[in-house]
């Protein structure tokens, strides 16, 4: 089992990603955290941003498939930050 962490600036994008990944059985379940204050380096400057964080559970062997599918889902849009931890 692995925890999948996806960060995006757009709550609707996070909901769309979660729905697709659930329908395709790439994740088992998820939680949303909206309007999470974050600091990012943007053009060498520190910027305060609000993000939506999607945390999902999945099988760690599916990470590569999820990352590829996320690139397809987000084509033409900014790619969310994605990473995982493995038990």
Protein backbone atom coordinates (compact mmCIF):
# COMPACT_ATOMS: atom_id res chain seq x y z
CA UNK A 1 0.00 0.00 0.00
CA UNK A 2 1.20 3.50 -0.78
CA UNK A 3 0.03 7.03 -0.07
CA UNK A 4 -0.16 9.14 -3.21
CA UNK A 5 0.13 12.91 -2.79
CA UNK A 6 -1.02 15.29 -5.56
CA UNK A 7 -0.95 19.09 -5.24
CA UNK A 8 -2.75 21.47 -7.59
CA UNK A 9 -3.84 25.12 -7.58
CA UNK A 10 -7.25 24.18 -8.99
CA UNK A 11 -9.78 22.34 -6.76
CA UNK A 12 -11.83 21.25 -9.80
CA UNK A 13 -8.72 19.70 -11.36
CA UNK A 14 -8.07 17.69 -8.18
CA UNK A 15 -11.66 16.42 -8.11
CA UNK A 16 -11.50 15.46 -11.79
CA UNK A 17 -8.20 13.61 -11.26
CA UNK A 18 -9.59 11.71 -8.25
CA UNK A 19 -12.75 10.71 -10.10
CA UNK A 20 -10.85 9.38 -13.12
CA UNK A 21 -8.27 7.51 -11.02
CA UNK A 22 -11.06 5.91 -8.94
CA UNK A 23 -13.07 4.93 -12.02
CA UNK A 24 -9.97 3.33 -13.54
CA UNK A 25 -9.23 1.58 -10.22
CA UNK A 26 -5.80 3.16 -9.95
CA UNK A 27 -6.56 4.43 -6.43
CA UNK A 28 -8.59 2.88 -3.59
CA UNK A 29 -9.76 6.06 -1.84
CA UNK A 30 -8.83 9.69 -1.34
CA UNK A 31 -9.08 12.81 0.83
CA UNK A 32 -9.11 16.46 -0.25
CA UNK A 33 -7.61 19.39 1.60
CA UNK A 34 -8.63 22.69 -0.01
CA UNK A 35 -7.05 26.12 0.38
CA UNK A 36 -3.87 24.84 2.01
CA UNK A 37 -1.46 27.78 2.37
CA UNK A 38 1.89 26.98 0.79
CA UNK A 39 5.11 28.75 -0.09
CA UNK A 40 6.75 28.17 -3.48
CA UNK A 41 9.75 29.54 -5.31
CA UNK A 42 8.39 31.25 -8.42
CA UNK A 43 10.97 32.87 -10.67
CA UNK A 44 13.44 32.96 -7.80
CA UNK A 45 10.95 34.72 -5.49
CA UNK A 46 8.99 33.29 -2.61
CA UNK A 47 5.26 33.28 -3.33
CA UNK A 48 2.36 32.41 -1.05
CA UNK A 49 -0.21 30.24 -2.82
CA UNK A 50 -3.28 28.22 -1.85
CA UNK A 51 -3.35 24.65 -3.06
CA UNK A 52 -5.69 21.70 -3.08
CA UNK A 53 -4.04 18.53 -1.89
CA UNK A 54 -5.34 15.14 -2.90
CA UNK A 55 -4.07 12.23 -0.82
CA UNK A 56 -5.00 8.80 -2.13
CA UNK A 57 -4.21 5.20 -1.29
CA UNK A 58 -2.97 2.90 -4.00
CA UNK A 59 -0.80 -0.10 -4.71
CA UNK A 60 2.80 1.12 -5.02
CA UNK A 61 3.23 -0.85 -8.25
CA UNK A 62 0.66 1.44 -9.93
CA UNK A 63 2.64 4.67 -9.42
CA UNK A 64 4.14 4.73 -12.94
CA UNK A 65 0.71 4.11 -14.50
CA UNK A 66 -0.84 6.84 -12.34
CA UNK A 67 1.87 9.35 -13.26
CA UNK A 68 1.43 8.58 -16.97
CA UNK A 69 -2.36 8.87 -16.68
CA UNK A 70 -2.01 12.16 -14.81
CA UNK A 71 0.09 13.55 -17.68
CA UNK A 72 -2.71 12.56 -20.09
CA UNK A 73 -5.42 14.09 -17.89
CA UNK A 74 -3.49 17.35 -17.49
CA UNK A 75 -2.33 17.75 -21.09
CA UNK A 76 -2.28 21.46 -21.90
CA UNK A 77 -2.56 22.42 -18.22
CA UNK A 78 0.06 22.89 -15.53
CA UNK A 79 1.16 19.48 -14.23
CA UNK A 80 0.35 19.00 -10.53
CA UNK A 81 3.07 18.00 -8.10
CA UNK A 82 2.89 14.23 -7.51
CA UNK A 83 4.83 11.91 -5.22
CA UNK A 84 4.30 8.82 -3.13
CA UNK A 85 5.50 7.07 -0.03
CA UNK A 86 5.72 3.31 0.20
CA UNK A 87 5.06 1.17 3.28
